PDB file of N, CA and C in Angstrom:
ATOM      1  N   MET A   1     -21.388  41.771  93.235  1.00  0.00           N
ATOM      2  CA  MET A   1     -19.948  42.954  93.374  1.00  0.00           C
ATOM      3  C   MET A   1     -19.737  43.404  91.588  1.00  0.00           C
ATOM      4  N   THR A   2     -19.311  44.383  90.714  1.00  0.00           N
ATOM      5  CA  THR A   2     -18.845  44.145  90.164  1.00  0.00           C
ATOM      6  C   THR A   2     -17.372  44.784  90.872  1.00  0.00           C
ATOM      7  N   GLN A   3     -16.339  44.810  90.127  1.00  0.00           N
ATOM      8  CA  GLN A   3     -15.391  45.268  90.683  1.00  0.00           C
ATOM      9  C   GLN A   3     -14.233  45.574  89.314  1.00  0.00           C
ATOM     10  N   ASN A   4     -14.566  46.610  89.170  1.00  0.00           N
ATOM     11  CA  ASN A   4     -13.395  47.174  88.558  1.00  0.00           C
ATOM     12  C   ASN A   4     -12.416  46.851  87.955  1.00  0.00           C
ATOM     13  N   TYR A   5     -12.293  47.454  86.408  1.00  0.00           N
ATOM     14  CA  TYR A   5     -10.834  46.508  85.772  1.00  0.00           C
ATOM     15  C   TYR A   5      -9.962  47.766  85.195  1.00  0.00           C
ATOM     16  N   THR A   6      -8.860  47.402  85.593  1.00  0.00           N
ATOM     17  CA  THR A   6      -8.183  48.216  85.061  1.00  0.00           C
ATOM     18  C   THR A   6      -7.210  48.866  83.924  1.00  0.00           C
ATOM     19  N   LEU A   7      -6.999  48.835  83.182  1.00  0.00           N
ATOM     20  CA  LEU A   7      -5.676  49.250  81.620  1.00  0.00           C
ATOM     21  C   LEU A   7      -4.817  47.766  81.443  1.00  0.00           C
ATOM     22  N   ASN A   8      -4.076  47.899  82.665  1.00  0.00           N
ATOM     23  CA  ASN A   8      -3.174  46.572  83.343  1.00  0.00           C
ATOM     24  C   ASN A   8      -4.323  45.508  82.856  1.00  0.00           C
ATOM     25  N   ASP A   9      -4.967  45.174  83.605  1.00  0.00           N
ATOM     26  CA  ASP A   9      -5.649  43.976  83.485  1.00  0.00           C
ATOM     27  C   ASP A   9      -6.250  43.747  82.329  1.00  0.00           C
ATOM     28  N   LEU A  10      -6.412  44.419  81.771  1.00  0.00           N
ATOM     29  CA  LEU A  10      -6.817  44.176  79.506  1.00  0.00           C
ATOM     30  C   LEU A  10      -4.925  43.838  79.367  1.00  0.00           C
ATOM     31  N   VAL A  11      -3.827  44.599  79.478  1.00  0.00           N
ATOM     32  CA  VAL A  11      -3.738  43.968  78.915  1.00  0.00           C
ATOM     33  C   VAL A  11      -3.056  42.783  79.254  1.00  0.00           C
ATOM     34  N   ARG A  12      -2.715  41.859  80.148  1.00  0.00           N
ATOM     35  CA  ARG A  12      -2.830  41.370  80.857  1.00  0.00           C
ATOM     36  C   ARG A  12      -2.908  40.001  80.219  1.00  0.00           C
ATOM     37  N   LEU A  13      -4.411  40.102  80.087  1.00  0.00           N
ATOM     38  CA  LEU A  13      -5.285  39.236  79.214  1.00  0.00           C
ATOM     39  C   LEU A  13      -5.254  39.358  77.757  1.00  0.00           C
ATOM     40  N   VAL A  14      -4.509  40.580  77.084  1.00  0.00           N
ATOM     41  CA  VAL A  14      -4.119  40.329  75.924  1.00  0.00           C
ATOM     42  C   VAL A  14      -2.594  39.303  75.285  1.00  0.00           C
ATOM     43  N   TYR A  15      -2.507  39.511  76.552  1.00  0.00           N
ATOM     44  CA  TYR A  15      -1.010  38.763  77.097  1.00  0.00           C
ATOM     45  C   TYR A  15      -1.472  37.422  77.313  1.00  0.00           C
ATOM     46  N   HIS A  16      -1.880  37.122  77.614  1.00  0.00           N
ATOM     47  CA  HIS A  16      -2.047  36.195  78.145  1.00  0.00           C
ATOM     48  C   HIS A  16      -1.643  35.936  79.474  1.00  0.00           C
ATOM     49  N   GLU A  17      -1.644  36.809  80.138  1.00  0.00           N
ATOM     50  CA  GLU A  17      -0.804  35.819  81.999  1.00  0.00           C
ATOM     51  C   GLU A  17      -1.125  36.431  82.877  1.00  0.00           C
ATOM     52  N   THR A  18      -3.108  36.027  82.500  1.00  0.00           N
ATOM     53  CA  THR A  18      -3.767  36.089  84.149  1.00  0.00           C
ATOM     54  C   THR A  18      -4.471  34.703  83.909  1.00  0.00           C
ATOM     55  N   SER A  19      -5.237  34.821  85.277  1.00  0.00           N
ATOM     56  CA  SER A  19      -5.468  33.250  85.053  1.00  0.00           C
ATOM     57  C   SER A  19      -6.669  32.739  85.009  1.00  0.00           C
ATOM     58  N   ARG A  20      -6.862  31.568  84.217  1.00  0.00           N
ATOM     59  CA  ARG A  20      -8.704  31.219  84.303  1.00  0.00           C
ATOM     60  C   ARG A  20      -9.201  32.100  84.785  1.00  0.00           C
ATOM     61  N   THR A  21      -9.629  31.871  85.928  1.00  0.00           N
ATOM     62  CA  THR A  21     -10.507  32.162  86.419  1.00  0.00           C
ATOM     63  C   THR A  21     -10.286  33.965  86.167  1.00  0.00           C
ATOM     64  N   GLN A  22      -9.480  35.304  86.187  1.00  0.00           N
ATOM     65  CA  GLN A  22      -9.694  36.449  86.009  1.00  0.00           C
ATOM     66  C   GLN A  22     -10.114  36.228  84.615  1.00  0.00           C
ATOM     67  N   ALA A  23      -9.617  36.553  84.116  1.00  0.00           N
ATOM     68  CA  ALA A  23      -9.832  35.644  81.833  1.00  0.00           C
ATOM     69  C   ALA A  23     -10.871  35.601  81.984  1.00  0.00           C
ATOM     70  N   ARG A  24     -12.152  34.620  82.745  1.00  0.00           N
ATOM     71  CA  ARG A  24     -13.793  34.504  82.536  1.00  0.00           C
ATOM     72  C   ARG A  24     -14.408  35.488  83.568  1.00  0.00           C
ATOM     73  N   GLU A  25     -13.918  35.885  84.494  1.00  0.00           N
ATOM     74  CA  GLU A  25     -14.634  37.398  84.928  1.00  0.00           C
ATOM     75  C   GLU A  25     -14.104  38.871  84.303  1.00  0.00           C
ATOM     76  N   LEU A  26     -12.787  38.475  83.715  1.00  0.00           N
ATOM     77  CA  LEU A  26     -13.001  39.752  82.409  1.00  0.00           C
ATOM     78  C   LEU A  26     -13.582  39.732  81.437  1.00  0.00           C
ATOM     79  N   HIS A  27     -13.714  38.198  81.052  1.00  0.00           N
ATOM     80  CA  HIS A  27     -14.737  37.983  79.205  1.00  0.00           C
ATOM     81  C   HIS A  27     -16.201  38.437  79.931  1.00  0.00           C
ATOM     82  N   GLU A  28     -16.448  37.534  81.342  1.00  0.00           N
ATOM     83  CA  GLU A  28     -18.004  38.815  81.619  1.00  0.00           C
ATOM     84  C   GLU A  28     -18.885  39.870  81.844  1.00  0.00           C
ATOM     85  N   GLU A  29     -17.053  40.453  82.497  1.00  0.00           N
ATOM     86  CA  GLU A  29     -18.099  42.564  83.056  1.00  0.00           C
ATOM     87  C   GLU A  29     -17.990  43.056  80.906  1.00  0.00           C
ATOM     88  N   MET A  30     -17.003  43.055  80.127  1.00  0.00           N
ATOM     89  CA  MET A  30     -16.716  42.289  79.308  1.00  0.00           C
ATOM     90  C   MET A  30     -18.095  42.415  78.359  1.00  0.00           C
ATOM     91  N   SER A  31     -19.361  41.479  78.553  1.00  0.00           N
ATOM     92  CA  SER A  31     -20.190  40.865  78.079  1.00  0.00           C
ATOM     93  C   SER A  31     -21.164  42.924  78.336  1.00  0.00           C
ATOM     94  N   HIS A  32     -20.737  43.075  79.546  1.00  0.00           N
ATOM     95  CA  HIS A  32     -21.733  43.950  79.858  1.00  0.00           C
ATOM     96  C   HIS A  32     -21.486  45.797  79.999  1.00  0.00           C
ATOM     97  N   ASP A  33     -20.024  45.894  79.735  1.00  0.00           N
ATOM     98  CA  ASP A  33     -19.484  47.077  79.650  1.00  0.00           C
ATOM     99  C   ASP A  33     -19.483  47.204  78.320  1.00  0.00           C
ATOM    100  N   PHE A  34     -19.517  47.699  77.612  1.00  0.00           N
ATOM    101  CA  PHE A  34     -19.453  48.530  75.937  1.00  0.00           C
ATOM    102  C   PHE A  34     -18.109  48.757  75.559  1.00  0.00           C
ATOM    103  N   GLU A  35     -17.917  50.061  76.555  1.00  0.00           N
ATOM    104  CA  GLU A  35     -16.281  50.429  77.090  1.00  0.00           C
ATOM    105  C   GLU A  35     -15.415  49.560  77.101  1.00  0.00           C
ATOM    106  N   LEU A  36     -14.992  48.861  77.960  1.00  0.00           N
ATOM    107  CA  LEU A  36     -14.127  47.833  78.885  1.00  0.00           C
ATOM    108  C   LEU A  36     -13.608  46.674  77.916  1.00  0.00           C
ATOM    109  N   ALA A  37     -14.842  46.316  76.860  1.00  0.00           N
ATOM    110  CA  ALA A  37     -15.078  46.127  75.793  1.00  0.00           C
ATOM    111  C   ALA A  37     -14.065  46.365  74.837  1.00  0.00           C
ATOM    112  N   GLU A  38     -14.240  47.602  74.074  1.00  0.00           N
ATOM    113  CA  GLU A  38     -13.921  48.491  73.111  1.00  0.00           C
ATOM    114  C   GLU A  38     -12.730  48.123  73.564  1.00  0.00           C
ATOM    115  N   GLU A  39     -12.154  49.271  75.136  1.00  0.00           N
ATOM    116  CA  GLU A  39     -11.229  49.407  74.628  1.00  0.00           C
ATOM    117  C   GLU A  39      -9.836  47.514  75.032  1.00  0.00           C
ATOM    118  N   PHE A  40     -10.270  46.946  75.779  1.00  0.00           N
ATOM    119  CA  PHE A  40      -9.365  45.333  74.923  1.00  0.00           C
ATOM    120  C   PHE A  40      -9.424  44.883  73.355  1.00  0.00           C
ATOM    121  N   GLU A  41     -10.707  45.455  73.164  1.00  0.00           N
ATOM    122  CA  GLU A  41     -10.401  45.216  71.380  1.00  0.00           C
ATOM    123  C   GLU A  41      -9.459  46.554  70.238  1.00  0.00           C
ATOM    124  N   MET A  42      -8.951  46.990  70.652  1.00  0.00           N
ATOM    125  CA  MET A  42      -7.823  48.389  71.024  1.00  0.00           C
ATOM    126  C   MET A  42      -7.343  48.393  71.148  1.00  0.00           C
ATOM    127  N   LEU A  43      -6.421  47.189  72.405  1.00  0.00           N
ATOM    128  CA  LEU A  43      -5.614  47.492  72.592  1.00  0.00           C
ATOM    129  C   LEU A  43      -4.713  45.918  72.227  1.00  0.00           C
ATOM    130  N   LYS A  44      -5.528  44.685  71.707  1.00  0.00           N
ATOM    131  CA  LYS A  44      -5.632  43.163  70.600  1.00  0.00           C
ATOM    132  C   LYS A  44      -5.634  43.635  69.846  1.00  0.00           C
ATOM    133  N   ASN A  45      -5.761  44.766  68.705  1.00  0.00           N
ATOM    134  CA  ASN A  45      -5.479  44.914  68.078  1.00  0.00           C
ATOM    135  C   ASN A  45      -4.247  46.259  67.479  1.00  0.00           C
ATOM    136  N   THR A  46      -3.658  47.044  68.409  1.00  0.00           N
ATOM    137  CA  THR A  46      -2.378  47.667  68.706  1.00  0.00           C
ATOM    138  C   THR A  46      -0.914  46.134  69.882  1.00  0.00           C
ATOM    139  N   ALA A  47      -1.894  45.410  69.210  1.00  0.00           N
ATOM    140  CA  ALA A  47      -0.709  44.069  69.846  1.00  0.00           C
ATOM    141  C   ALA A  47       0.164  43.200  69.223  1.00  0.00           C
ATOM    142  N   ARG A  48      -0.781  43.550  67.939  1.00  0.00           N
ATOM    143  CA  ARG A  48      -0.714  42.418  67.513  1.00  0.00           C
ATOM    144  C   ARG A  48      -0.396  43.384  66.389  1.00  0.00           C
ATOM    145  N   GLU A  49      -0.251  44.798  65.487  1.00  0.00           N
ATOM    146  CA  GLU A  49       0.507  45.166  64.756  1.00  0.00           C
ATOM    147  C   GLU A  49       2.145  45.927  65.361  1.00  0.00           C
ATOM    148  N   LEU A  50       2.193  45.107  66.778  1.00  0.00           N
ATOM    149  CA  LEU A  50       3.430  45.862  67.059  1.00  0.00           C
ATOM    150  C   LEU A  50       4.363  44.879  65.430  1.00  0.00           C
ATOM    151  N   PRO A  51       5.947  45.529  65.431  1.00  0.00           N
ATOM    152  CA  PRO A  51       6.881  43.985  65.041  1.00  0.00           C
ATOM    153  C   PRO A  51       7.008  43.695  65.860  1.00  0.00           C
ATOM    154  N   LYS A  52       7.367  41.836  65.136  1.00  0.00           N
ATOM    155  CA  LYS A  52       7.945  40.875  66.087  1.00  0.00           C
ATOM    156  C   LYS A  52       8.793  40.614  65.682  1.00  0.00           C
ATOM    157  N   VAL A  53      10.327  41.418  66.654  1.00  0.00           N
ATOM    158  CA  VAL A  53      11.541  41.832  66.477  1.00  0.00           C
ATOM    159  C   VAL A  53      11.871  41.222  67.685  1.00  0.00           C
ATOM    160  N   THR A  54      13.233  39.731  67.209  1.00  0.00           N
ATOM    161  CA  THR A  54      14.395  40.001  68.510  1.00  0.00           C
ATOM    162  C   THR A  54      15.183  39.962  67.563  1.00  0.00           C
ATOM    163  N   PHE A  55      15.840  39.761  68.581  1.00  0.00           N
ATOM    164  CA  PHE A  55      16.987  40.568  68.516  1.00  0.00           C
ATOM    165  C   PHE A  55      18.873  38.982  68.940  1.00  0.00           C
ATOM    166  N   ALA A  56      19.408  39.407  67.610  1.00  0.00           N
ATOM    167  CA  ALA A  56      20.191  38.770  68.386  1.00  0.00           C
ATOM    168  C   ALA A  56      21.643  39.550  68.312  1.00  0.00           C
ATOM    169  N   PRO A  57      22.405  38.826  69.516  1.00  0.00           N
ATOM    170  CA  PRO A  57      23.875  39.935  69.292  1.00  0.00           C
ATOM    171  C   PRO A  57      24.608  39.498  67.714  1.00  0.00           C
ATOM    172  N   SER A  58      25.975  40.891  67.780  1.00  0.00           N
ATOM    173  CA  SER A  58      26.772  40.154  66.201  1.00  0.00           C
ATOM    174  C   SER A  58      27.804  39.406  67.131  1.00  0.00           C
ATOM    175  N   LYS A  59      28.213  38.457  65.680  1.00  0.00           N
ATOM    176  CA  LYS A  59      29.119  37.627  65.847  1.00  0.00           C
ATOM    177  C   LYS A  59      30.724  38.205  66.463  1.00  0.00           C
ATOM    178  N   LYS A  60      30.480  39.320  66.198  1.00  0.00           N
ATOM    179  CA  LYS A  60      31.791  40.487  66.920  1.00  0.00           C
ATOM    180  C   LYS A  60      31.435  40.702  69.096  1.00  0.00           C
ATOM    181  N   CYS A  61      30.554  40.999  68.822  1.00  0.00           N
ATOM    182  CA  CYS A  61      30.473  40.518  69.959  1.00  0.00           C
ATOM    183  C   CYS A  61      30.086  39.478  70.915  1.00  0.00           C
ATOM    184  N   ILE A  62      29.547  38.712  70.430  1.00  0.00           N
ATOM    185  CA  ILE A  62      29.652  37.640  71.360  1.00  0.00           C
ATOM    186  C   ILE A  62      30.942  36.742  71.195  1.00  0.00           C
ATOM    187  N   ASP A  63      32.265  37.265  69.885  1.00  0.00           N
ATOM    188  CA  ASP A  63      33.117  36.962  70.082  1.00  0.00           C
ATOM    189  C   ASP A  63      34.519  37.526  70.840  1.00  0.00           C
ATOM    190  N   LEU A  64      33.741  39.405  71.913  1.00  0.00           N
ATOM    191  CA  LEU A  64      34.521  39.892  72.489  1.00  0.00           C
ATOM    192  C   LEU A  64      34.144  39.491  73.623  1.00  0.00           C
ATOM    193  N   ILE A  65      32.857  38.122  74.466  1.00  0.00           N
ATOM    194  CA  ILE A  65      32.069  37.638  75.542  1.00  0.00           C
ATOM    195  C   ILE A  65      33.391  36.772  75.616  1.00  0.00           C
ATOM    196  N   LEU A  66      33.379  36.406  74.355  1.00  0.00           N
ATOM    197  CA  LEU A  66      33.886  34.638  74.958  1.00  0.00           C
ATOM    198  C   LEU A  66      35.986  36.076  75.190  1.00  0.00           C
ATOM    199  N   ASP A  67      36.065  35.841  74.152  1.00  0.00           N
ATOM    200  CA  ASP A  67      37.470  36.380  74.578  1.00  0.00           C
ATOM    201  C   ASP A  67      37.961  37.524  76.299  1.00  0.00           C
ATOM    202  N   TYR A  68      37.366  38.217  76.580  1.00  0.00           N
ATOM    203  CA  TYR A  68      36.681  38.230  78.433  1.00  0.00           C
ATOM    204  C   TYR A  68      36.890  37.296  78.818  1.00  0.00           C
ATOM    205  N   SER A  69      36.525  36.545  79.094  1.00  0.00           N
ATOM    206  CA  SER A  69      35.295  35.456  80.019  1.00  0.00           C
ATOM    207  C   SER A  69      37.221  34.120  79.847  1.00  0.00           C
ATOM    208  N   ARG A  70      37.598  34.254  78.568  1.00  0.00           N
ATOM    209  CA  ARG A  70      39.107  33.565  78.399  1.00  0.00           C
ATOM    210  C   ARG A  70      39.862  34.476  79.907  1.00  0.00           C
ATOM    211  N   ARG A  71      39.781  35.062  79.517  1.00  0.00           N
ATOM    212  CA  ARG A  71      40.956  36.100  79.709  1.00  0.00           C
ATOM    213  C   ARG A  71      40.762  36.647  81.100  1.00  0.00           C
ATOM    214  N   THR A  72      39.813  36.509  82.212  1.00  0.00           N
ATOM    215  CA  THR A  72      39.161  36.714  83.479  1.00  0.00           C
ATOM    216  C   THR A  72      38.629  35.235  84.247  1.00  0.00           C
ATOM    217  N   ALA A  73      38.654  33.561  83.417  1.00  0.00           N
ATOM    218  CA  ALA A  73      38.802  32.498  84.066  1.00  0.00           C
ATOM    219  C   ALA A  73      39.758  32.838  84.685  1.00  0.00           C
ATOM    220  N   LEU A  74      39.157  31.390  85.996  1.00  0.00           N
ATOM    221  CA  LEU A  74      40.609  31.763  86.937  1.00  0.00           C
ATOM    222  C   LEU A  74      40.593  30.006  87.104  1.00  0.00           C
ATOM    223  N   ALA A  75      41.310  29.830  87.131  1.00  0.00           N
ATOM    224  CA  ALA A  75      42.373  29.451  86.873  1.00  0.00           C
ATOM    225  C   ALA A  75      42.605  28.184  88.233  1.00  0.00           C
ATOM    226  N   ILE A  76      41.413  27.057  87.642  1.00  0.00           N
ATOM    227  CA  ILE A  76      41.276  25.655  88.552  1.00  0.00           C
ATOM    228  C   ILE A  76      42.736  24.546  88.926  1.00  0.00           C
TER     229      ILE A  76
END
């Protein structure tokens, strides 16, 4: 029985969000389905090219949050 795999399945595989069984099944299917393998390679290359962005709040933002927390804290 051949399962139809979706683009979402391939994206999950690219980001290692599949079980070992699912990953094995997808790789097996790609060995027989050139279009599926080609799509997977394109997704892998695209993911590799995405910028590795990290977000950090500014010091001012952290200070404002801490100030708000101090002003609204319940006295125990």
